[in-house]
């Protein structure tokens, strides 16, 4: 009877790598938030109240409460009433309600933009002439100022109807959000569809597989590492597009409009304005975090390679 090899005690007590990475990500996220808050308060302590200027140029901003309130002041204002009326909702409830409204528009724009980006990437990969004709305009489209585009989309939408239904203001916001979301998906997916190794493509050719089979079994799985970062960028861009569109078009109900309202009230204390801005930032984190759920599902699909099927 042979002796079994000795087991390293460090390996015996070490948790699985997947579990460690699963704990590390939230811990790093919390640590980054804490670091930002510490830097915020450090700036309040170090930088003078009136800021720092070189001649007539201000190089560091003012740090008084009207320009940069304390972190606890921003958190404390969430419990204050939105208006000085009995029974009025709190500032936190107003931000939560407006954030929920913008969340629905941003997610809708993200889904629509992702679908358009995927279809464009597939078409450009399939036909070279489509790439040569469309890709330059896809790049140029992102140079158009969003503030100038939003009123145009709202004006165009007011003159059309979809399936007999009049165009609603929220539809314009969704279109603008998808306008920002489709670009990273189209570019990232196109690169991913062209990333398979020549050996995998030659293997599919030997199997007499058509274009669709090669796309589903080889190109799609190989494009997942490129698609996931693109979807994260698209998710963040959809939130930015929705907020900017709400501000530019004057649409009520969203967090973009709430930022405008609180900025008009920030005469001596900008805590409410910062609370709304932080609410928009948290909204972006939530929408981007939803891509993590999609990453888990697509990560399992990414392992479907012809070579693995052949060896099983």
C-alpha atoms as a PDB file:
ATOM      1  CA  UNK A   1       0.000   0.000   0.000  1.00  0.00           C
ATOM      2  CA  UNK A   2       1.561   3.266  -1.119  1.00  0.00           C
ATOM      3  CA  UNK A   3       1.457   6.338   0.979  1.00  0.00           C
ATOM      4  CA  UNK A   4      -0.696   9.176  -0.305  1.00  0.00           C
ATOM      5  CA  UNK A   5       1.099  12.426  -1.091  1.00  0.00           C
ATOM      6  CA  UNK A   6       1.154  14.939   1.749  1.00  0.00           C
ATOM      7  CA  UNK A   7      -1.505  17.616   1.694  1.00  0.00           C
ATOM      8  CA  UNK A   8      -0.387  21.169   2.040  1.00  0.00           C
ATOM      9  CA  UNK A   9      -2.061  22.662   5.120  1.00  0.00           C
ATOM     10  CA  UNK A  10      -2.421  26.025   3.374  1.00  0.00           C
ATOM     11  CA  UNK A  11      -4.325  24.374   0.530  1.00  0.00           C
ATOM     12  CA  UNK A  12      -6.485  22.460   2.982  1.00  0.00           C
ATOM     13  CA  UNK A  13      -7.733  25.564   4.780  1.00  0.00           C
ATOM     14  CA  UNK A  14      -7.759  27.949   1.828  1.00  0.00           C
ATOM     15  CA  UNK A  15     -11.266  28.707   0.508  1.00  0.00           C
ATOM     16  CA  UNK A  16     -12.001  28.148  -3.155  1.00  0.00           C
ATOM     17  CA  UNK A  17     -10.766  30.844  -5.485  1.00  0.00           C
ATOM     18  CA  UNK A  18     -14.254  31.569  -6.773  1.00  0.00           C
ATOM     19  CA  UNK A  19     -15.438  32.214  -3.209  1.00  0.00           C
ATOM     20  CA  UNK A  20     -12.472  34.481  -2.509  1.00  0.00           C
ATOM     21  CA  UNK A  21     -13.067  36.465  -5.701  1.00  0.00           C
ATOM     22  CA  UNK A  22     -16.757  36.677  -4.857  1.00  0.00           C
ATOM     23  CA  UNK A  23     -15.922  38.258  -1.494  1.00  0.00           C
ATOM     24  CA  UNK A  24     -13.150  40.444  -2.896  1.00  0.00           C
ATOM     25  CA  UNK A  25     -15.353  42.313  -5.372  1.00  0.00           C
ATOM     26  CA  UNK A  26     -17.883  43.648  -2.835  1.00  0.00           C
ATOM     27  CA  UNK A  27     -15.075  44.402  -0.393  1.00  0.00           C
ATOM     28  CA  UNK A  28     -13.197  46.430  -3.006  1.00  0.00           C
ATOM     29  CA  UNK A  29     -16.396  48.277  -3.917  1.00  0.00           C
ATOM     30  CA  UNK A  30     -17.046  49.208  -0.286  1.00  0.00           C
ATOM     31  CA  UNK A  31     -13.408  50.200   0.200  1.00  0.00           C
ATOM     32  CA  UNK A  32     -13.494  52.477  -2.851  1.00  0.00           C
ATOM     33  CA  UNK A  33     -16.627  54.227  -1.562  1.00  0.00           C
ATOM     34  CA  UNK A  34     -15.041  54.740   1.851  1.00  0.00           C
ATOM     35  CA  UNK A  35     -11.884  56.095   0.196  1.00  0.00           C
ATOM     36  CA  UNK A  36     -13.899  58.595  -1.841  1.00  0.00           C
ATOM     37  CA  UNK A  37     -15.697  59.819   1.276  1.00  0.00           C
ATOM     38  CA  UNK A  38     -12.404  60.195   3.134  1.00  0.00           C
ATOM     39  CA  UNK A  39     -10.904  62.189   0.260  1.00  0.00           C
ATOM     40  CA  UNK A  40     -14.058  64.327   0.218  1.00  0.00           C
ATOM     41  CA  UNK A  41     -13.648  65.245   3.889  1.00  0.00           C
ATOM     42  CA  UNK A  42      -9.870  65.646   3.490  1.00  0.00           C
ATOM     43  CA  UNK A  43     -10.453  68.252   0.784  1.00  0.00           C
ATOM     44  CA  UNK A  44     -12.796  70.086   3.152  1.00  0.00           C
ATOM     45  CA  UNK A  45     -10.033  70.187   5.766  1.00  0.00           C
ATOM     46  CA  UNK A  46      -7.030  71.047   3.576  1.00  0.00           C
ATOM     47  CA  UNK A  47      -8.407  73.366   0.881  1.00  0.00           C
ATOM     48  CA  UNK A  48      -9.298  76.896   2.065  1.00  0.00           C
ATOM     49  CA  UNK A  49     -12.948  77.907   2.148  1.00  0.00           C
ATOM     50  CA  UNK A  50     -12.558  80.285  -0.789  1.00  0.00           C
ATOM     51  CA  UNK A  51     -10.463  77.832  -2.761  1.00  0.00           C
ATOM     52  CA  UNK A  52      -7.033  78.458  -4.252  1.00  0.00           C
ATOM     53  CA  UNK A  53      -6.383  80.866  -7.105  1.00  0.00           C
ATOM     54  CA  UNK A  54      -3.316  81.640  -9.177  1.00  0.00           C
ATOM     55  CA  UNK A  55      -3.792  85.212 -10.268  1.00  0.00           C
ATOM     56  CA  UNK A  56      -7.308  85.364 -11.687  1.00  0.00           C
ATOM     57  CA  UNK A  57      -7.531  81.613 -12.352  1.00  0.00           C
ATOM     58  CA  UNK A  58      -9.106  79.391  -9.693  1.00  0.00           C
ATOM     59  CA  UNK A  59      -7.212  76.099  -9.555  1.00  0.00           C
ATOM     60  CA  UNK A  60      -9.009  74.573  -6.551  1.00  0.00           C
ATOM     61  CA  UNK A  61     -12.741  75.023  -5.914  1.00  0.00           C
ATOM     62  CA  UNK A  62     -14.393  76.557  -2.891  1.00  0.00           C
ATOM     63  CA  UNK A  63     -15.022  74.202   0.011  1.00  0.00           C
ATOM     64  CA  UNK A  64     -17.670  76.071   1.990  1.00  0.00           C
ATOM     65  CA  UNK A  65     -20.989  74.369   2.689  1.00  0.00           C
ATOM     66  CA  UNK A  66     -22.599  76.142  -0.234  1.00  0.00           C
ATOM     67  CA  UNK A  67     -20.176  74.523  -2.673  1.00  0.00           C
ATOM     68  CA  UNK A  68     -19.011  71.334  -0.913  1.00  0.00           C
ATOM     69  CA  UNK A  69     -21.080  70.199   2.079  1.00  0.00           C
ATOM     70  CA  UNK A  70     -19.963  67.565   4.540  1.00  0.00           C
ATOM     71  CA  UNK A  71     -20.787  63.934   3.878  1.00  0.00           C
ATOM     72  CA  UNK A  72     -22.991  63.695   6.969  1.00  0.00           C
ATOM     73  CA  UNK A  73     -24.869  66.821   5.846  1.00  0.00           C
ATOM     74  CA  UNK A  74     -25.713  65.145   2.527  1.00  0.00           C
ATOM     75  CA  UNK A  75     -26.882  62.012   4.319  1.00  0.00           C
ATOM     76  CA  UNK A  76     -28.833  63.976   6.921  1.00  0.00           C
ATOM     77  CA  UNK A  77     -30.753  65.991   4.356  1.00  0.00           C
ATOM     78  CA  UNK A  78     -32.424  62.825   3.090  1.00  0.00           C
ATOM     79  CA  UNK A  79     -34.806  62.937   6.046  1.00  0.00           C
ATOM     80  CA  UNK A  80     -35.775  66.593   5.574  1.00  0.00           C
ATOM     81  CA  UNK A  81     -39.153  67.400   3.973  1.00  0.00           C
ATOM     82  CA  UNK A  82     -38.958  68.216   0.292  1.00  0.00           C
ATOM     83  CA  UNK A  83     -41.141  71.300   0.731  1.00  0.00           C
ATOM     84  CA  UNK A  84     -42.281  73.150   3.856  1.00  0.00           C
ATOM     85  CA  UNK A  85     -45.781  71.706   3.766  1.00  0.00           C
ATOM     86  CA  UNK A  86     -47.372  69.406   6.313  1.00  0.00           C
ATOM     87  CA  UNK A  87     -47.284  65.777   5.171  1.00  0.00           C
ATOM     88  CA  UNK A  88     -44.760  66.441   2.392  1.00  0.00           C
ATOM     89  CA  UNK A  89     -42.503  63.586   1.388  1.00  0.00           C
ATOM     90  CA  UNK A  90     -38.879  63.588   2.406  1.00  0.00           C
ATOM     91  CA  UNK A  91     -35.950  64.417   0.164  1.00  0.00           C
ATOM     92  CA  UNK A  92     -34.871  60.775   0.242  1.00  0.00           C
ATOM     93  CA  UNK A  93     -38.340  59.633  -0.851  1.00  0.00           C
ATOM     94  CA  UNK A  94     -38.296  62.163  -3.694  1.00  0.00           C
ATOM     95  CA  UNK A  95     -34.902  60.936  -4.898  1.00  0.00           C
ATOM     96  CA  UNK A  96     -36.027  57.308  -4.624  1.00  0.00           C
ATOM     97  CA  UNK A  97     -39.221  57.965  -6.596  1.00  0.00           C
ATOM     98  CA  UNK A  98     -37.462  59.928  -9.322  1.00  0.00           C
ATOM     99  CA  UNK A  99     -34.645  57.375  -9.436  1.00  0.00           C
ATOM    100  CA  UNK A 100     -37.155  54.561  -9.968  1.00  0.00           C
ATOM    101  CA  UNK A 101     -38.667  56.459 -12.886  1.00  0.00           C
ATOM    102  CA  UNK A 102     -35.268  57.045 -14.488  1.00  0.00           C
ATOM    103  CA  UNK A 103     -34.246  53.453 -13.789  1.00  0.00           C
ATOM    104  CA  UNK A 104     -37.063  52.115 -15.967  1.00  0.00           C
ATOM    105  CA  UNK A 105     -36.177  54.464 -18.818  1.00  0.00           C
ATOM    106  CA  UNK A 106     -32.452  53.705 -18.570  1.00  0.00           C
ATOM    107  CA  UNK A 107     -32.983  49.930 -18.571  1.00  0.00           C
ATOM    108  CA  UNK A 108     -35.353  50.173 -21.534  1.00  0.00           C
ATOM    109  CA  UNK A 109     -32.843  52.309 -23.421  1.00  0.00           C
ATOM    110  CA  UNK A 110     -30.044  49.916 -22.488  1.00  0.00           C
ATOM    111  CA  UNK A 111     -31.943  46.889 -23.815  1.00  0.00           C
ATOM    112  CA  UNK A 112     -32.912  48.691 -27.008  1.00  0.00           C
ATOM    113  CA  UNK A 113     -29.374  49.983 -27.571  1.00  0.00           C
ATOM    114  CA  UNK A 114     -27.856  46.559 -26.875  1.00  0.00           C
ATOM    115  CA  UNK A 115     -30.152  44.915 -29.424  1.00  0.00           C
ATOM    116  CA  UNK A 116     -29.336  47.520 -32.072  1.00  0.00           C
ATOM    117  CA  UNK A 117     -25.610  47.210 -31.330  1.00  0.00           C
ATOM    118  CA  UNK A 118     -25.685  43.409 -31.564  1.00  0.00           C
ATOM    119  CA  UNK A 119     -27.538  43.484 -34.875  1.00  0.00           C
ATOM    120  CA  UNK A 120     -25.136  46.042 -36.314  1.00  0.00           C
ATOM    121  CA  UNK A 121     -22.115  44.011 -35.172  1.00  0.00           C
ATOM    122  CA  UNK A 122     -23.482  40.816 -36.732  1.00  0.00           C
ATOM    123  CA  UNK A 123     -24.236  42.606 -39.996  1.00  0.00           C
ATOM    124  CA  UNK A 124     -20.794  44.218 -40.113  1.00  0.00           C
ATOM    125  CA  UNK A 125     -19.092  40.895 -39.401  1.00  0.00           C
ATOM    126  CA  UNK A 126     -21.121  39.101 -42.054  1.00  0.00           C
ATOM    127  CA  UNK A 127     -20.729  41.655 -44.829  1.00  0.00           C
ATOM    128  CA  UNK A 128     -17.586  43.699 -45.317  1.00  0.00           C
ATOM    129  CA  UNK A 129     -19.417  46.315 -47.344  1.00  0.00           C
ATOM    130  CA  UNK A 130     -21.813  46.904 -44.441  1.00  0.00           C
ATOM    131  CA  UNK A 131     -18.887  47.605 -42.130  1.00  0.00           C
ATOM    132  CA  UNK A 132     -17.292  49.990 -44.611  1.00  0.00           C
ATOM    133  CA  UNK A 133     -20.598  51.807 -45.083  1.00  0.00           C
ATOM    134  CA  UNK A 134     -21.864  51.951 -41.494  1.00  0.00           C
ATOM    135  CA  UNK A 135     -18.902  51.888 -39.099  1.00  0.00           C
ATOM    136  CA  UNK A 136     -17.681  55.437 -39.891  1.00  0.00           C
ATOM    137  CA  UNK A 137     -21.166  56.800 -39.216  1.00  0.00           C
ATOM    138  CA  UNK A 138     -21.410  54.762 -36.019  1.00  0.00           C
ATOM    139  CA  UNK A 139     -18.246  56.477 -34.781  1.00  0.00           C
ATOM    140  CA  UNK A 140     -19.340  59.918 -35.978  1.00  0.00           C
ATOM    141  CA  UNK A 141     -22.692  59.541 -34.225  1.00  0.00           C
ATOM    142  CA  UNK A 142     -20.991  59.732 -30.831  1.00  0.00           C
ATOM    143  CA  UNK A 143     -19.519  63.162 -31.607  1.00  0.00           C
ATOM    144  CA  UNK A 144     -22.955  64.826 -31.730  1.00  0.00           C
ATOM    145  CA  UNK A 145     -23.565  66.810 -28.497  1.00  0.00           C
ATOM    146  CA  UNK A 146     -26.293  65.079 -26.530  1.00  0.00           C
ATOM    147  CA  UNK A 147     -27.657  68.347 -25.165  1.00  0.00           C
ATOM    148  CA  UNK A 148     -28.320  69.523 -28.715  1.00  0.00           C
ATOM    149  CA  UNK A 149     -29.696  66.166 -29.860  1.00  0.00           C
ATOM    150  CA  UNK A 150     -32.210  65.668 -27.031  1.00  0.00           C
ATOM    151  CA  UNK A 151     -34.533  68.568 -27.947  1.00  0.00           C
ATOM    152  CA  UNK A 152     -34.455  67.484 -31.596  1.00  0.00           C
ATOM    153  CA  UNK A 153     -35.512  63.936 -30.731  1.00  0.00           C
ATOM    154  CA  UNK A 154     -38.280  65.264 -28.498  1.00  0.00           C
ATOM    155  CA  UNK A 155     -39.466  67.566 -31.304  1.00  0.00           C
ATOM    156  CA  UNK A 156     -39.413  64.810 -33.914  1.00  0.00           C
ATOM    157  CA  UNK A 157     -41.197  62.409 -31.600  1.00  0.00           C
ATOM    158  CA  UNK A 158     -44.042  64.832 -31.029  1.00  0.00           C
ATOM    159  CA  UNK A 159     -44.975  64.588 -34.706  1.00  0.00           C
ATOM    160  CA  UNK A 160     -45.156  60.805 -35.043  1.00  0.00           C
ATOM    161  CA  UNK A 161     -47.214  57.957 -33.638  1.00  0.00           C
ATOM    162  CA  UNK A 162     -46.203  54.351 -32.941  1.00  0.00           C
ATOM    163  CA  UNK A 163     -48.832  51.719 -33.794  1.00  0.00           C
ATOM    164  CA  UNK A 164     -51.545  54.324 -33.481  1.00  0.00           C
ATOM    165  CA  UNK A 165     -50.319  55.627 -30.100  1.00  0.00           C
ATOM    166  CA  UNK A 166     -49.116  59.179 -29.694  1.00  0.00           C
ATOM    167  CA  UNK A 167     -45.456  59.673 -28.932  1.00  0.00           C
ATOM    168  CA  UNK A 168     -44.869  60.092 -25.208  1.00  0.00           C
ATOM    169  CA  UNK A 169     -42.082  62.192 -23.633  1.00  0.00           C
ATOM    170  CA  UNK A 170     -40.561  59.130 -21.956  1.00  0.00           C
ATOM    171  CA  UNK A 171     -40.073  57.546 -25.387  1.00  0.00           C
ATOM    172  CA  UNK A 172     -37.712  60.357 -26.370  1.00  0.00           C
ATOM    173  CA  UNK A 173     -35.648  59.734 -23.243  1.00  0.00           C
ATOM    174  CA  UNK A 174     -35.484  56.018 -24.021  1.00  0.00           C
ATOM    175  CA  UNK A 175     -34.331  56.692 -27.580  1.00  0.00           C
ATOM    176  CA  UNK A 176     -31.609  59.042 -26.369  1.00  0.00           C
ATOM    177  CA  UNK A 177     -30.438  56.516 -23.759  1.00  0.00           C
ATOM    178  CA  UNK A 178     -30.263  53.797 -26.415  1.00  0.00           C
ATOM    179  CA  UNK A 179     -28.372  56.204 -28.678  1.00  0.00           C
ATOM    180  CA  UNK A 180     -25.503  56.230 -26.209  1.00  0.00           C
ATOM    181  CA  UNK A 181     -25.797  52.540 -25.349  1.00  0.00           C
ATOM    182  CA  UNK A 182     -25.594  51.008 -28.820  1.00  0.00           C
ATOM    183  CA  UNK A 183     -22.099  52.285 -29.679  1.00  0.00           C
ATOM    184  CA  UNK A 184     -19.935  50.322 -27.193  1.00  0.00           C
ATOM    185  CA  UNK A 185     -21.972  47.169 -27.851  1.00  0.00           C
ATOM    186  CA  UNK A 186     -21.588  47.447 -31.619  1.00  0.00           C
ATOM    187  CA  UNK A 187     -17.840  48.072 -31.506  1.00  0.00           C
ATOM    188  CA  UNK A 188     -17.073  45.545 -28.760  1.00  0.00           C
ATOM    189  CA  UNK A 189     -19.237  42.816 -30.257  1.00  0.00           C
ATOM    190  CA  UNK A 190     -17.706  43.320 -33.700  1.00  0.00           C
ATOM    191  CA  UNK A 191     -14.257  42.797 -32.239  1.00  0.00           C
ATOM    192  CA  UNK A 192     -15.478  39.764 -30.321  1.00  0.00           C
ATOM    193  CA  UNK A 193     -17.042  38.136 -33.376  1.00  0.00           C
ATOM    194  CA  UNK A 194     -13.673  38.344 -35.107  1.00  0.00           C
ATOM    195  CA  UNK A 195     -11.717  36.979 -32.143  1.00  0.00           C
ATOM    196  CA  UNK A 196     -12.071  33.175 -32.676  1.00  0.00           C
ATOM    197  CA  UNK A 197      -8.857  31.342 -33.467  1.00  0.00           C
ATOM    198  CA  UNK A 198      -8.407  30.248 -37.087  1.00  0.00           C
ATOM    199  CA  UNK A 199      -8.241  26.623 -35.960  1.00  0.00           C
ATOM    200  CA  UNK A 200     -11.789  26.806 -34.555  1.00  0.00           C
ATOM    201  CA  UNK A 201     -13.115  28.335 -37.764  1.00  0.00           C
ATOM    202  CA  UNK A 202     -11.307  25.754 -39.866  1.00  0.00           C
ATOM    203  CA  UNK A 203     -12.803  23.002 -37.737  1.00  0.00           C
ATOM    204  CA  UNK A 204     -16.304  24.306 -38.409  1.00  0.00           C
ATOM    205  CA  UNK A 205     -15.452  24.489 -42.098  1.00  0.00           C
ATOM    206  CA  UNK A 206     -14.403  20.843 -42.007  1.00  0.00           C
ATOM    207  CA  UNK A 207     -17.763  20.010 -40.451  1.00  0.00           C
ATOM    208  CA  UNK A 208     -19.416  21.773 -43.426  1.00  0.00           C
ATOM    209  CA  UNK A 209     -21.086  24.120 -40.959  1.00  0.00           C
ATOM    210  CA  UNK A 210     -22.837  27.142 -42.369  1.00  0.00           C
ATOM    211  CA  UNK A 211     -22.471  30.751 -41.359  1.00  0.00           C
ATOM    212  CA  UNK A 212     -25.233  30.572 -38.746  1.00  0.00           C
ATOM    213  CA  UNK A 213     -23.828  27.457 -37.054  1.00  0.00           C
ATOM    214  CA  UNK A 214     -20.373  29.010 -36.933  1.00  0.00           C
ATOM    215  CA  UNK A 215     -21.846  32.193 -35.512  1.00  0.00           C
ATOM    216  CA  UNK A 216     -23.750  30.436 -32.732  1.00  0.00           C
ATOM    217  CA  UNK A 217     -21.202  27.758 -31.822  1.00  0.00           C
ATOM    218  CA  UNK A 218     -17.905  29.608 -32.281  1.00  0.00           C
ATOM    219  CA  UNK A 219     -18.164  33.349 -32.784  1.00  0.00           C
ATOM    220  CA  UNK A 220     -20.762  34.078 -30.106  1.00  0.00           C
ATOM    221  CA  UNK A 221     -18.973  32.150 -27.325  1.00  0.00           C
ATOM    222  CA  UNK A 222     -15.636  33.709 -28.270  1.00  0.00           C
ATOM    223  CA  UNK A 223     -17.144  37.214 -28.186  1.00  0.00           C
ATOM    224  CA  UNK A 224     -18.360  37.018 -24.562  1.00  0.00           C
ATOM    225  CA  UNK A 225     -15.115  38.419 -23.025  1.00  0.00           C
ATOM    226  CA  UNK A 226     -15.462  41.409 -25.339  1.00  0.00           C
ATOM    227  CA  UNK A 227     -19.226  41.746 -24.956  1.00  0.00           C
ATOM    228  CA  UNK A 228     -19.404  41.949 -21.146  1.00  0.00           C
ATOM    229  CA  UNK A 229     -17.211  45.094 -20.785  1.00  0.00           C
ATOM    230  CA  UNK A 230     -19.132  46.645 -23.663  1.00  0.00           C
ATOM    231  CA  UNK A 231     -22.429  45.976 -21.904  1.00  0.00           C
ATOM    232  CA  UNK A 232     -21.085  47.562 -18.728  1.00  0.00           C
ATOM    233  CA  UNK A 233     -20.172  50.709 -20.653  1.00  0.00           C
ATOM    234  CA  UNK A 234     -23.540  50.660 -22.378  1.00  0.00           C
ATOM    235  CA  UNK A 235     -25.375  50.347 -19.043  1.00  0.00           C
ATOM    236  CA  UNK A 236     -23.551  53.352 -17.601  1.00  0.00           C
ATOM    237  CA  UNK A 237     -24.062  55.317 -20.825  1.00  0.00           C
ATOM    238  CA  UNK A 238     -27.800  54.603 -20.793  1.00  0.00           C
ATOM    239  CA  UNK A 239     -28.118  56.170 -17.328  1.00  0.00           C
ATOM    240  CA  UNK A 240     -26.126  59.214 -18.437  1.00  0.00           C
ATOM    241  CA  UNK A 241     -28.292  59.537 -21.553  1.00  0.00           C
ATOM    242  CA  UNK A 242     -31.518  59.256 -19.570  1.00  0.00           C
ATOM    243  CA  UNK A 243     -30.467  61.868 -16.992  1.00  0.00           C
ATOM    244  CA  UNK A 244     -29.167  64.330 -19.589  1.00  0.00           C
ATOM    245  CA  UNK A 245     -32.274  63.825 -21.730  1.00  0.00           C
ATOM    246  CA  UNK A 246     -34.535  64.573 -18.765  1.00  0.00           C
ATOM    247  CA  UNK A 247     -32.619  67.765 -18.098  1.00  0.00           C
ATOM    248  CA  UNK A 248     -32.515  68.835 -21.746  1.00  0.00           C
ATOM    249  CA  UNK A 249     -36.172  68.101 -22.535  1.00  0.00           C
ATOM    250  CA  UNK A 250     -37.572  69.242 -19.197  1.00  0.00           C
ATOM    251  CA  UNK A 251     -39.332  65.930 -18.588  1.00  0.00           C
ATOM    252  CA  UNK A 252     -40.721  65.705 -15.069  1.00  0.00           C
ATOM    253  CA  UNK A 253     -40.663  62.694 -12.803  1.00  0.00           C
ATOM    254  CA  UNK A 254     -37.045  61.652 -13.277  1.00  0.00           C
ATOM    255  CA  UNK A 255     -33.917  62.225 -11.274  1.00  0.00           C
ATOM    256  CA  UNK A 256     -32.569  64.571 -13.932  1.00  0.00           C
ATOM    257  CA  UNK A 257     -35.439  66.955 -13.281  1.00  0.00           C
ATOM    258  CA  UNK A 258     -34.914  66.500  -9.543  1.00  0.00           C
ATOM    259  CA  UNK A 259     -31.317  67.658  -9.942  1.00  0.00           C
ATOM    260  CA  UNK A 260     -32.542  70.845 -11.641  1.00  0.00           C
ATOM    261  CA  UNK A 261     -35.075  71.507  -8.869  1.00  0.00           C
ATOM    262  CA  UNK A 262     -32.531  70.999  -6.091  1.00  0.00           C
ATOM    263  CA  UNK A 263     -29.920  73.096  -7.903  1.00  0.00           C
ATOM    264  CA  UNK A 264     -32.357  76.002  -7.918  1.00  0.00           C
ATOM    265  CA  UNK A 265     -32.798  75.588  -4.165  1.00  0.00           C
ATOM    266  CA  UNK A 266     -29.041  75.381  -3.458  1.00  0.00           C
ATOM    267  CA  UNK A 267     -28.544  79.026  -2.558  1.00  0.00           C
ATOM    268  CA  UNK A 268     -26.719  78.584   0.735  1.00  0.00           C
ATOM    269  CA  UNK A 269     -26.547  74.807   1.137  1.00  0.00           C
ATOM    270  CA  UNK A 270     -26.044  72.389  -1.730  1.00  0.00           C
ATOM    271  CA  UNK A 271     -26.668  69.224   0.294  1.00  0.00           C
ATOM    272  CA  UNK A 272     -29.879  68.442  -1.572  1.00  0.00           C
ATOM    273  CA  UNK A 273     -28.166  68.871  -4.927  1.00  0.00           C
ATOM    274  CA  UNK A 274     -25.339  66.519  -3.924  1.00  0.00           C
ATOM    275  CA  UNK A 275     -27.875  64.015  -2.603  1.00  0.00           C
ATOM    276  CA  UNK A 276     -29.619  63.964  -5.992  1.00  0.00           C
ATOM    277  CA  UNK A 277     -26.314  63.642  -7.846  1.00  0.00           C
ATOM    278  CA  UNK A 278     -25.272  60.757  -5.597  1.00  0.00           C
ATOM    279  CA  UNK A 279     -28.669  59.181  -6.238  1.00  0.00           C
ATOM    280  CA  UNK A 280     -27.967  59.321  -9.979  1.00  0.00           C
ATOM    281  CA  UNK A 281     -24.526  57.779  -9.389  1.00  0.00           C
ATOM    282  CA  UNK A 282     -26.037  54.951  -7.347  1.00  0.00           C
ATOM    283  CA  UNK A 283     -28.577  54.425 -10.116  1.00  0.00           C
ATOM    284  CA  UNK A 284     -25.721  53.970 -12.585  1.00  0.00           C
ATOM    285  CA  UNK A 285     -24.064  51.452 -10.269  1.00  0.00           C
ATOM    286  CA  UNK A 286     -27.303  49.473  -9.984  1.00  0.00           C
ATOM    287  CA  UNK A 287     -27.894  49.345 -13.740  1.00  0.00           C
ATOM    288  CA  UNK A 288     -24.283  48.385 -14.349  1.00  0.00           C
ATOM    289  CA  UNK A 289     -24.518  45.746 -11.629  1.00  0.00           C
ATOM    290  CA  UNK A 290     -27.367  44.087 -13.490  1.00  0.00           C
ATOM    291  CA  UNK A 291     -24.860  43.226 -16.202  1.00  0.00           C
ATOM    292  CA  UNK A 292     -23.157  41.005 -13.621  1.00  0.00           C
ATOM    293  CA  UNK A 293     -26.198  38.715 -13.648  1.00  0.00           C
ATOM    294  CA  UNK A 294     -25.992  38.555 -17.412  1.00  0.00           C
ATOM    295  CA  UNK A 295     -22.269  37.875 -17.165  1.00  0.00           C
ATOM    296  CA  UNK A 296     -22.940  34.772 -15.089  1.00  0.00           C
ATOM    297  CA  UNK A 297     -25.373  33.385 -17.666  1.00  0.00           C
ATOM    298  CA  UNK A 298     -23.194  34.246 -20.647  1.00  0.00           C
ATOM    299  CA  UNK A 299     -20.103  32.918 -18.897  1.00  0.00           C
ATOM    300  CA  UNK A 300     -21.575  29.418 -18.930  1.00  0.00           C
ATOM    301  CA  UNK A 301     -22.497  29.781 -22.593  1.00  0.00           C
ATOM    302  CA  UNK A 302     -18.971  30.895 -23.475  1.00  0.00           C
ATOM    303  CA  UNK A 303     -17.669  27.375 -22.850  1.00  0.00           C
ATOM    304  CA  UNK A 304     -19.613  25.896 -25.755  1.00  0.00           C
ATOM    305  CA  UNK A 305     -16.782  25.374 -28.207  1.00  0.00           C
ATOM    306  CA  UNK A 306     -16.810  22.714 -30.923  1.00  0.00           C
ATOM    307  CA  UNK A 307     -13.556  21.196 -29.667  1.00  0.00           C
ATOM    308  CA  UNK A 308     -15.102  20.484 -26.261  1.00  0.00           C
ATOM    309  CA  UNK A 309     -18.136  18.895 -27.801  1.00  0.00           C
ATOM    310  CA  UNK A 310     -15.920  16.691 -29.911  1.00  0.00           C
ATOM    311  CA  UNK A 311     -13.864  15.461 -26.971  1.00  0.00           C
ATOM    312  CA  UNK A 312     -16.833  14.633 -24.769  1.00  0.00           C
END
